N, C-alpha and C. Protein backbone atom coordinates (compact mmCIF):
# COMPACT_ATOMS: atom_id res chain seq x y z
N MET A 1 110.60 48.02 112.12
CA MET A 1 110.15 49.96 112.54
C MET A 1 110.25 50.46 111.65
N ALA A 2 112.07 50.52 111.36
CA ALA A 2 113.05 51.58 110.62
C ALA A 2 112.17 51.99 109.76
N LYS A 3 111.57 51.38 108.91
CA LYS A 3 110.57 51.22 107.35
C LYS A 3 109.97 52.85 107.64
N LYS A 4 108.98 52.39 109.50
CA LYS A 4 108.06 53.60 109.86
C LYS A 4 108.44 54.65 110.48
N GLY A 5 109.32 54.60 110.18
CA GLY A 5 110.58 55.37 111.10
C GLY A 5 110.95 56.86 110.15
N VAL A 6 111.44 55.92 108.74
CA VAL A 6 111.76 56.50 107.87
C VAL A 6 109.95 57.51 107.06
N THR A 7 109.68 56.43 106.60
CA THR A 7 108.39 56.99 105.84
C THR A 7 107.52 58.30 107.00
N THR A 8 107.60 57.78 108.06
CA THR A 8 107.42 59.59 109.42
C THR A 8 108.58 60.43 109.06
N THR A 9 109.29 60.21 108.69
CA THR A 9 110.69 61.39 108.66
C THR A 9 109.92 61.79 107.31
N VAL A 10 110.11 61.32 106.34
CA VAL A 10 110.04 62.12 105.31
C VAL A 10 108.21 62.71 105.16
N VAL A 11 107.19 62.09 105.08
CA VAL A 11 105.87 62.85 105.36
C VAL A 11 106.20 64.54 106.24
N LEU A 12 106.77 64.08 107.68
CA LEU A 12 107.08 65.54 107.46
C LEU A 12 107.98 66.20 107.35
N PHE A 13 108.67 66.13 106.60
CA PHE A 13 109.85 66.29 105.82
C PHE A 13 109.18 67.23 104.46
N LEU A 14 108.05 66.20 103.95
CA LEU A 14 107.58 67.15 103.34
C LEU A 14 106.54 67.99 103.35
N ALA A 15 105.70 67.98 104.59
CA ALA A 15 104.78 68.96 105.67
C ALA A 15 105.35 70.24 105.75
N LEU A 16 107.05 70.38 106.50
CA LEU A 16 108.13 71.45 106.06
C LEU A 16 107.75 71.60 105.15
N VAL A 17 108.19 71.56 104.20
CA VAL A 17 108.69 72.12 102.92
C VAL A 17 107.13 72.44 102.06
N ALA A 18 105.94 72.27 102.55
CA ALA A 18 104.68 72.25 102.09
C ALA A 18 104.98 73.86 102.30
N GLU A 19 104.96 73.69 104.08
CA GLU A 19 104.66 74.91 104.82
C GLU A 19 105.82 75.84 103.63
N ALA A 20 106.81 75.29 103.77
CA ALA A 20 107.08 76.86 103.90
C ALA A 20 106.92 77.63 102.28
N HIS A 21 106.52 76.51 101.83
CA HIS A 21 106.29 76.73 100.24
C HIS A 21 104.91 77.48 100.15
N ALA A 22 104.56 77.27 101.47
CA ALA A 22 102.40 78.54 101.32
C ALA A 22 103.19 79.65 102.52
N VAL A 23 104.52 80.05 103.23
CA VAL A 23 104.47 80.69 103.72
C VAL A 23 104.99 81.82 103.11
N HIS A 24 106.53 81.27 102.44
CA HIS A 24 107.09 81.81 101.79
C HIS A 24 107.38 82.13 100.42
N GLY A 25 107.46 81.14 99.74
CA GLY A 25 107.08 81.36 98.05
C GLY A 25 105.84 81.32 97.10
N ALA A 26 104.97 80.89 97.31
CA ALA A 26 103.25 81.22 97.68
C ALA A 26 103.47 82.82 97.79
N GLY A 27 103.85 82.89 98.85
CA GLY A 27 103.46 85.20 99.17
C GLY A 27 104.26 85.18 98.42
N ARG A 28 105.66 84.96 98.25
CA ARG A 28 106.14 85.82 97.59
C ARG A 28 105.90 86.01 95.87
N ARG A 29 104.98 85.13 95.24
CA ARG A 29 105.23 84.98 93.58
C ARG A 29 104.03 85.87 94.46
N LYS A 30 102.55 86.00 95.01
CA LYS A 30 101.57 87.28 95.00
C LYS A 30 101.52 88.44 94.64
N GLU A 31 102.68 88.88 96.09
CA GLU A 31 103.15 89.98 96.43
C GLU A 31 104.39 91.19 94.75
N GLU A 32 104.55 89.72 94.21
CA GLU A 32 105.55 90.24 92.56
C GLU A 32 104.83 90.62 92.01
N ALA A 33 103.48 90.29 91.82
CA ALA A 33 102.24 89.92 90.67
C ALA A 33 101.61 91.34 92.05
N ALA A 34 101.68 92.24 92.29
CA ALA A 34 100.95 92.73 93.57
C ALA A 34 101.20 94.74 92.68
N ASP A 35 100.56 95.62 92.87
CA ASP A 35 100.75 96.67 92.03
C ASP A 35 100.92 97.51 93.08
N PRO A 36 102.51 98.50 92.63
CA PRO A 36 103.09 98.70 93.75
C PRO A 36 101.77 100.06 94.99
N THR A 37 102.39 100.57 95.70
CA THR A 37 102.56 101.50 96.94
C THR A 37 102.79 102.52 96.21
N HIS A 38 102.38 104.01 95.92
CA HIS A 38 102.52 105.83 94.88
C HIS A 38 102.17 105.94 96.02
N LEU A 39 103.30 106.27 97.11
CA LEU A 39 103.02 108.24 98.01
C LEU A 39 104.44 108.60 97.56
N GLN A 40 102.90 110.47 97.61
CA GLN A 40 104.36 111.26 97.56
C GLN A 40 103.96 112.69 98.42
N PHE A 41 105.30 112.76 98.48
CA PHE A 41 105.22 113.58 99.39
C PHE A 41 106.20 114.65 99.40
N TYR A 42 106.74 115.19 99.40
CA TYR A 42 107.58 117.02 99.77
C TYR A 42 108.17 116.92 101.00
N PHE A 43 109.75 116.68 100.74
CA PHE A 43 111.36 116.74 101.62
C PHE A 43 112.01 117.97 101.89
N HIS A 44 111.95 118.89 102.79
CA HIS A 44 112.21 119.84 103.09
C HIS A 44 113.26 120.01 103.63
N ASP A 45 115.27 120.15 103.07
CA ASP A 45 116.08 120.38 103.84
C ASP A 45 116.66 121.92 104.65
N THR A 46 117.05 122.41 105.13
CA THR A 46 117.32 123.51 105.41
C THR A 46 118.55 122.97 106.47
N VAL A 47 119.97 123.48 106.19
CA VAL A 47 120.98 123.88 106.06
C VAL A 47 121.32 125.39 107.26
N SER A 48 120.64 126.06 106.51
CA SER A 48 121.31 127.22 106.83
C SER A 48 119.99 127.68 108.22
N GLY A 49 119.97 129.17 108.91
CA GLY A 49 119.81 129.19 109.67
C GLY A 49 119.95 129.14 111.82
N LYS A 50 118.76 129.42 111.90
CA LYS A 50 119.16 129.39 113.81
C LYS A 50 118.55 127.58 113.73
N SER A 51 117.87 127.00 113.17
CA SER A 51 117.76 125.37 113.12
C SER A 51 117.76 125.08 112.59
N PRO A 52 118.19 124.16 111.19
CA PRO A 52 119.07 123.05 110.40
C PRO A 52 118.52 122.06 110.67
N THR A 53 117.95 122.07 109.47
CA THR A 53 117.34 119.96 109.95
C THR A 53 118.77 119.43 109.54
N ALA A 54 120.16 119.42 108.44
CA ALA A 54 120.87 118.71 107.92
C ALA A 54 122.16 119.77 108.88
N VAL A 55 123.02 119.16 109.30
CA VAL A 55 124.23 119.75 110.02
C VAL A 55 125.95 119.42 108.72
N ARG A 56 126.49 119.82 108.57
CA ARG A 56 127.65 119.81 107.68
C ARG A 56 128.24 118.97 108.69
N VAL A 57 128.99 117.57 108.56
CA VAL A 57 130.07 116.79 109.38
C VAL A 57 131.85 117.04 109.37
N VAL A 58 131.59 116.07 108.44
CA VAL A 58 132.48 117.24 107.42
C VAL A 58 132.37 117.77 105.63
N GLU A 59 133.65 119.41 106.57
CA GLU A 59 134.43 119.78 105.48
C GLU A 59 134.22 119.19 103.89
N PRO A 60 134.40 119.52 102.36
CA PRO A 60 135.35 119.06 101.22
C PRO A 60 136.92 119.60 102.09
N PRO A 61 137.60 118.31 101.70
CA PRO A 61 138.96 119.12 101.64
C PRO A 61 139.32 120.31 100.57
N PRO A 62 139.87 120.95 100.58
CA PRO A 62 139.98 122.04 99.75
C PRO A 62 141.32 120.84 98.79
N ALA A 63 140.33 121.83 97.30
CA ALA A 63 141.01 121.36 96.76
C ALA A 63 141.92 119.52 96.09
N ALA A 64 140.35 118.60 96.66
CA ALA A 64 139.71 117.30 96.58
C ALA A 64 139.02 116.91 95.68
N SER A 65 138.75 118.06 94.63
CA SER A 65 138.29 117.82 93.29
C SER A 65 138.13 118.38 91.76
N SER A 66 138.35 118.40 91.25
CA SER A 66 138.75 119.18 89.84
C SER A 66 137.46 119.56 89.84
N SER A 67 136.05 120.47 90.08
CA SER A 67 135.20 120.97 90.15
C SER A 67 135.31 121.60 91.65
N PRO A 68 135.04 123.24 91.77
CA PRO A 68 134.48 123.67 92.84
C PRO A 68 133.84 123.37 93.36
N MET A 69 132.85 122.97 92.26
CA MET A 69 131.36 122.84 92.66
C MET A 69 130.59 121.55 93.54
N SER A 70 131.03 120.57 92.95
CA SER A 70 130.83 119.44 93.52
C SER A 70 131.14 118.73 95.04
N MET A 71 131.27 119.10 95.99
CA MET A 71 131.31 119.14 97.54
C MET A 71 132.37 117.93 97.85
N PHE A 72 133.36 117.69 96.38
CA PHE A 72 133.17 115.43 97.10
C PHE A 72 134.01 116.17 98.62
N GLY A 73 133.78 114.89 98.67
CA GLY A 73 134.35 114.98 100.65
C GLY A 73 133.69 115.16 101.96
N MET A 74 132.75 116.04 101.13
CA MET A 74 132.27 116.65 102.19
C MET A 74 130.19 115.60 102.51
N VAL A 75 130.31 115.75 103.77
CA VAL A 75 129.40 114.78 105.05
C VAL A 75 128.50 115.83 105.05
N ASN A 76 126.96 116.30 104.65
CA ASN A 76 125.97 116.46 105.88
C ASN A 76 125.22 115.16 106.41
N VAL A 77 124.70 115.29 107.47
CA VAL A 77 123.66 114.20 108.02
C VAL A 77 122.41 115.34 108.30
N MET A 78 121.14 114.55 107.63
CA MET A 78 119.88 115.13 108.52
C MET A 78 118.77 114.48 109.43
N ASP A 79 118.24 115.25 109.38
CA ASP A 79 116.42 114.54 110.21
C ASP A 79 115.50 115.76 109.12
N ASP A 80 115.53 115.12 108.29
CA ASP A 80 114.47 117.07 107.13
C ASP A 80 113.20 116.49 107.16
N PRO A 81 112.40 117.46 107.57
CA PRO A 81 110.67 116.84 108.17
C PRO A 81 110.50 116.85 106.47
N LEU A 82 109.18 115.47 106.32
CA LEU A 82 108.58 115.03 104.60
C LEU A 82 107.42 116.26 105.39
N THR A 83 106.11 116.38 104.49
CA THR A 83 105.18 117.01 104.36
C THR A 83 104.89 116.68 103.41
N GLU A 84 102.75 116.46 103.38
CA GLU A 84 102.21 116.16 102.73
C GLU A 84 101.70 117.27 100.82
N GLY A 85 102.85 118.81 101.05
CA GLY A 85 102.32 119.43 100.07
C GLY A 85 104.79 119.96 100.69
N PRO A 86 104.25 121.52 99.62
CA PRO A 86 105.46 121.85 99.57
C PRO A 86 105.88 122.84 99.91
N GLU A 87 104.90 123.56 101.01
CA GLU A 87 105.26 124.29 101.87
C GLU A 87 106.08 123.96 103.42
N GLN A 88 106.22 125.34 103.66
CA GLN A 88 106.64 124.36 105.39
C GLN A 88 105.80 123.83 106.40
N GLY A 89 104.67 124.85 106.12
CA GLY A 89 103.47 124.76 107.30
C GLY A 89 103.01 123.28 106.44
N SER A 90 102.64 122.90 105.81
CA SER A 90 101.96 121.62 105.30
C SER A 90 102.43 120.52 105.62
N ALA A 91 100.37 119.47 106.42
CA ALA A 91 100.75 118.50 106.69
C ALA A 91 101.72 118.05 107.55
N PRO A 92 102.25 117.80 108.11
CA PRO A 92 103.88 116.53 108.17
C PRO A 92 102.87 114.89 108.31
N VAL A 93 104.09 114.22 107.07
CA VAL A 93 104.12 112.59 106.96
C VAL A 93 105.15 111.86 107.19
N GLY A 94 106.15 112.91 107.41
CA GLY A 94 107.51 111.79 108.16
C GLY A 94 109.18 112.43 109.21
N ARG A 95 109.80 112.15 108.15
CA ARG A 95 111.18 112.81 108.34
C ARG A 95 111.55 111.77 106.82
N ALA A 96 113.38 112.74 106.62
CA ALA A 96 113.72 112.18 106.58
C ALA A 96 115.47 111.48 106.54
N GLN A 97 116.09 111.04 107.16
CA GLN A 97 117.05 110.23 108.49
C GLN A 97 118.12 109.69 107.81
N GLY A 98 119.49 110.51 108.27
CA GLY A 98 120.27 109.75 107.66
C GLY A 98 122.11 110.99 107.56
N LEU A 99 122.08 110.30 105.69
CA LEU A 99 123.37 111.08 105.56
C LEU A 99 123.40 111.00 104.26
N TYR A 100 123.90 112.12 103.62
CA TYR A 100 124.53 112.56 101.68
C TYR A 100 125.79 113.11 101.84
N MET A 101 126.85 112.70 100.78
CA MET A 101 127.83 113.56 100.56
C MET A 101 128.53 113.50 99.68
N GLY A 102 129.31 114.33 99.68
CA GLY A 102 129.28 115.04 97.49
C GLY A 102 130.70 113.85 97.83
N SER A 103 130.51 112.70 96.11
CA SER A 103 131.07 111.75 96.14
C SER A 103 131.41 111.90 94.96
N ASP A 104 131.39 112.79 93.80
CA ASP A 104 131.89 112.70 92.21
C ASP A 104 132.67 113.48 92.24
N GLN A 105 133.94 113.63 92.02
CA GLN A 105 134.34 114.84 91.75
C GLN A 105 134.66 115.36 90.18
N ALA A 106 133.87 115.32 90.18
CA ALA A 106 134.17 116.29 88.27
C ALA A 106 132.47 116.77 89.08
N ARG A 107 130.85 116.93 89.50
CA ARG A 107 130.04 117.66 89.65
C ARG A 107 129.89 117.58 90.92
N LEU A 108 128.71 118.08 91.68
CA LEU A 108 127.63 117.91 92.06
C LEU A 108 126.79 116.45 92.19
N GLY A 109 127.78 115.51 92.85
CA GLY A 109 127.01 114.20 92.86
C GLY A 109 127.10 114.48 94.91
N PHE A 110 125.82 113.34 94.59
CA PHE A 110 125.57 112.34 96.47
C PHE A 110 125.63 111.67 95.86
N LEU A 111 126.15 110.87 96.71
CA LEU A 111 125.10 109.24 98.08
C LEU A 111 124.46 109.15 99.08
N GLN A 112 123.36 109.31 98.90
CA GLN A 112 122.11 109.12 99.44
C GLN A 112 121.86 108.19 100.25
N ALA A 113 121.77 108.15 101.84
CA ALA A 113 121.82 106.88 102.80
C ALA A 113 120.71 107.36 103.46
N MET A 114 119.18 107.16 103.31
CA MET A 114 118.54 107.67 104.61
C MET A 114 117.29 105.95 104.99
N ASN A 115 116.42 106.91 106.15
CA ASN A 115 115.54 106.09 106.07
C ASN A 115 113.83 107.42 105.91
N LEU A 116 113.76 107.16 105.26
CA LEU A 116 111.64 107.98 105.79
C LEU A 116 110.81 106.84 106.70
N VAL A 117 111.77 108.02 107.74
CA VAL A 117 109.83 107.64 108.87
C VAL A 117 108.74 108.31 108.79
N LEU A 118 108.12 107.32 108.67
CA LEU A 118 106.61 107.81 108.14
C LEU A 118 105.89 107.71 109.55
N THR A 119 105.37 108.57 109.74
CA THR A 119 104.33 108.84 111.06
C THR A 119 103.02 109.68 111.79
N SER A 120 102.24 109.68 110.09
CA SER A 120 101.05 109.54 109.03
C SER A 120 100.32 108.89 109.04
N GLY A 121 99.10 108.84 108.55
CA GLY A 121 98.35 108.28 107.96
C GLY A 121 98.80 106.57 108.27
N PRO A 122 97.53 105.49 106.88
CA PRO A 122 97.81 104.28 107.76
C PRO A 122 99.02 103.65 106.71
N TYR A 123 101.15 104.19 106.81
CA TYR A 123 101.90 104.49 106.78
C TYR A 123 103.01 104.46 108.34
N ASN A 124 102.03 105.21 109.31
CA ASN A 124 102.58 105.80 110.20
C ASN A 124 103.14 104.50 111.01
N GLY A 125 104.35 104.49 112.16
CA GLY A 125 104.93 103.02 112.81
C GLY A 125 106.16 102.87 111.44
N SER A 126 105.98 102.96 109.64
CA SER A 126 106.57 102.36 109.17
C SER A 126 108.05 102.69 108.49
N THR A 127 109.13 102.65 108.07
CA THR A 127 109.74 103.01 107.63
C THR A 127 111.08 102.79 106.31
N LEU A 128 110.90 103.51 104.78
CA LEU A 128 112.26 102.90 103.84
C LEU A 128 113.10 103.49 103.65
N ALA A 129 113.93 102.54 104.15
CA ALA A 129 114.94 102.80 103.15
C ALA A 129 116.16 103.56 102.06
N LEU A 130 116.50 104.16 101.80
CA LEU A 130 116.71 104.23 101.00
C LEU A 130 118.32 104.29 100.08
N LEU A 131 119.16 104.44 99.28
CA LEU A 131 119.88 104.61 99.05
C LEU A 131 121.03 104.55 97.47
N GLY A 132 121.64 105.10 97.25
CA GLY A 132 121.88 105.75 95.89
C GLY A 132 122.28 107.00 95.64
N ARG A 133 122.51 106.94 94.19
CA ARG A 133 123.30 108.48 93.96
C ARG A 133 122.22 109.38 93.76
N ASN A 134 122.33 110.95 94.10
CA ASN A 134 121.57 112.07 94.28
C ASN A 134 122.45 112.85 92.90
N CYS A 135 122.68 113.85 92.13
CA CYS A 135 122.51 114.11 91.28
C CYS A 135 121.60 115.97 91.41
N PRO A 136 121.91 116.55 92.65
CA PRO A 136 120.53 117.65 92.79
C PRO A 136 120.71 119.35 91.68
N LEU A 137 121.33 118.72 90.84
CA LEU A 137 121.04 120.02 90.07
C LEU A 137 120.46 118.83 87.99
N ASP A 138 120.39 118.06 88.93
CA ASP A 138 119.86 117.01 87.65
C ASP A 138 118.06 117.67 88.37
N ALA A 139 117.23 117.24 86.36
CA ALA A 139 115.66 117.70 86.70
C ALA A 139 114.92 117.23 87.43
N VAL A 140 114.89 115.60 87.12
CA VAL A 140 114.79 113.49 88.41
C VAL A 140 115.54 113.51 88.26
N ARG A 141 115.16 113.05 89.42
CA ARG A 141 116.83 112.12 90.22
C ARG A 141 115.85 110.78 90.80
N GLU A 142 116.91 109.35 90.55
CA GLU A 142 116.32 108.50 90.64
C GLU A 142 116.95 107.46 92.02
N LEU A 143 115.89 107.18 93.02
CA LEU A 143 116.87 106.27 94.09
C LEU A 143 116.37 105.18 94.86
N PRO A 144 116.79 103.77 94.79
CA PRO A 144 116.42 102.99 94.80
C PRO A 144 116.17 103.05 96.24
N ILE A 145 115.34 102.05 96.77
CA ILE A 145 114.70 101.34 97.50
C ILE A 145 115.05 100.48 98.61
N VAL A 146 115.78 100.47 99.25
CA VAL A 146 116.37 98.37 99.55
C VAL A 146 116.06 98.21 100.55
N GLY A 147 115.02 98.41 101.05
CA GLY A 147 114.43 98.22 102.65
C GLY A 147 113.62 99.03 103.35
N GLY A 148 113.04 98.32 104.14
CA GLY A 148 111.99 98.94 105.02
C GLY A 148 111.57 97.95 106.53
N THR A 149 111.20 98.32 107.64
CA THR A 149 110.16 98.13 108.41
C THR A 149 109.03 98.50 107.83
N GLY A 150 108.23 96.93 109.40
CA GLY A 150 106.04 97.83 109.75
C GLY A 150 106.08 96.65 108.15
N ALA A 151 105.01 98.02 107.39
CA ALA A 151 104.50 97.10 106.33
C ALA A 151 104.87 97.53 105.31
N PHE A 152 106.63 98.44 105.05
CA PHE A 152 108.02 97.68 104.47
C PHE A 152 108.57 96.78 104.46
N ARG A 153 108.70 95.73 105.47
CA ARG A 153 109.56 94.87 105.14
C ARG A 153 109.32 93.78 104.31
N PHE A 154 110.84 93.65 103.49
CA PHE A 154 110.85 93.00 102.33
C PHE A 154 110.53 93.91 101.09
N ALA A 155 111.08 95.21 101.76
CA ALA A 155 110.34 96.24 100.65
C ALA A 155 111.19 96.50 99.18
N ARG A 156 111.20 97.14 98.06
CA ARG A 156 111.82 97.29 97.06
C ARG A 156 111.43 98.28 95.67
N GLY A 157 111.73 98.92 95.74
CA GLY A 157 111.02 100.11 94.73
C GLY A 157 112.24 101.10 94.15
N TYR A 158 111.38 101.80 93.66
CA TYR A 158 112.30 104.07 93.69
C TYR A 158 111.41 105.13 94.27
N ALA A 159 112.64 105.88 94.29
CA ALA A 159 112.20 107.08 94.29
C ALA A 159 111.84 107.51 92.92
N LEU A 160 111.52 108.51 93.02
CA LEU A 160 111.34 109.53 91.76
C LEU A 160 111.78 111.13 92.90
N LEU A 161 112.83 111.96 92.70
CA LEU A 161 113.26 112.80 93.02
C LEU A 161 112.84 114.30 92.40
N ARG A 162 111.94 115.52 92.45
CA ARG A 162 112.41 116.30 91.18
C ARG A 162 112.20 117.56 92.42
N THR A 163 113.48 118.99 91.86
CA THR A 163 113.64 119.62 92.99
C THR A 163 112.60 121.22 93.09
N HIS A 164 111.66 121.57 93.46
CA HIS A 164 110.57 121.88 93.98
C HIS A 164 111.04 124.15 93.93
N TRP A 165 112.10 123.65 94.66
CA TRP A 165 112.36 124.77 95.11
C TRP A 165 114.59 124.87 95.68
N LEU A 166 114.68 125.95 95.43
CA LEU A 166 116.27 125.53 95.67
C LEU A 166 116.41 127.01 96.05
N ASP A 167 117.35 127.92 96.65
CA ASP A 167 118.02 128.58 97.18
C ASP A 167 119.01 128.32 97.43
N VAL A 168 120.25 129.14 96.53
CA VAL A 168 121.09 129.04 95.58
C VAL A 168 122.71 129.37 96.14
N ARG A 169 121.70 130.62 97.34
CA ARG A 169 123.05 130.74 98.08
C ARG A 169 122.75 130.13 99.30
N THR A 170 122.38 129.76 100.69
CA THR A 170 122.06 129.33 101.28
C THR A 170 122.09 127.59 100.76
N GLY A 171 121.69 127.02 100.04
CA GLY A 171 121.97 125.03 100.23
C GLY A 171 120.02 125.05 100.30
N ASP A 172 119.36 125.49 100.63
CA ASP A 172 118.00 124.62 101.82
C ASP A 172 116.88 124.81 100.10
N ALA A 173 116.89 123.57 100.43
CA ALA A 173 115.79 122.80 99.11
C ALA A 173 114.28 121.99 100.17
N THR A 174 113.65 122.32 99.53
CA THR A 174 112.39 121.80 98.76
C THR A 174 112.02 120.44 97.10
N VAL A 175 111.55 119.59 98.39
CA VAL A 175 111.96 118.02 96.28
C VAL A 175 111.08 117.15 96.24
N GLU A 176 110.31 116.99 95.99
CA GLU A 176 108.98 116.43 95.75
C GLU A 176 109.88 114.59 95.30
N TYR A 177 108.71 114.59 96.17
CA TYR A 177 109.42 112.35 96.33
C TYR A 177 107.97 111.64 95.27
N ASP A 178 108.13 111.17 95.05
CA ASP A 178 107.09 110.43 93.92
C ASP A 178 108.02 109.31 94.46
N VAL A 179 107.23 108.50 94.98
CA VAL A 179 107.17 106.38 95.91
C VAL A 179 106.68 105.56 95.30
N TYR A 180 107.65 104.31 94.39
CA TYR A 180 107.05 103.54 93.97
C TYR A 180 107.88 101.77 94.72
N VAL A 181 107.10 101.33 95.45
CA VAL A 181 107.63 100.32 96.38
C VAL A 181 106.06 99.47 96.80
N MET A 182 107.01 97.60 95.87
CA MET A 182 106.62 97.09 96.37
C MET A 182 106.70 96.33 97.57
N HIS A 183 106.18 95.95 98.41
CA HIS A 183 105.99 95.34 99.46
C HIS A 183 104.80 94.20 100.26
């Protein structure tokens, strides 16, 4: 009788391992072999005017860095529109919600943490989480995708950022995002 109980336990254990492999192991290998999804849109960061989409919540401390342009210590919170094209009136595709802070004492460099909340198209209701270094005066920047929700659960990938337009007087900017994501 004890031998039959052990055999039943081993069979159940093996069935659970096989099920876990089928759900998690085999599925993961398939995802790793898939081509990334490419998304392209424009990010509009407006810090000036009557209706800013990004607001400063912490000013950089005086003499906090070796460069007056570094903005070291500054923190902005954003809820920026994402659109299909570079024009403000272009069709909306989502929002970039999060923050960016001056984290480089020598030059303009931000730590950027945000969720790209998609509000239209096949990924409506899904989000992508990005966290990384953004030096906005560089021609091309790369931010890692560290997760997501909805269609982008377990997401990983990267976003390439290119400044499309920048008003150096106000700091307002439009940035092109090319996003490559595995999910």
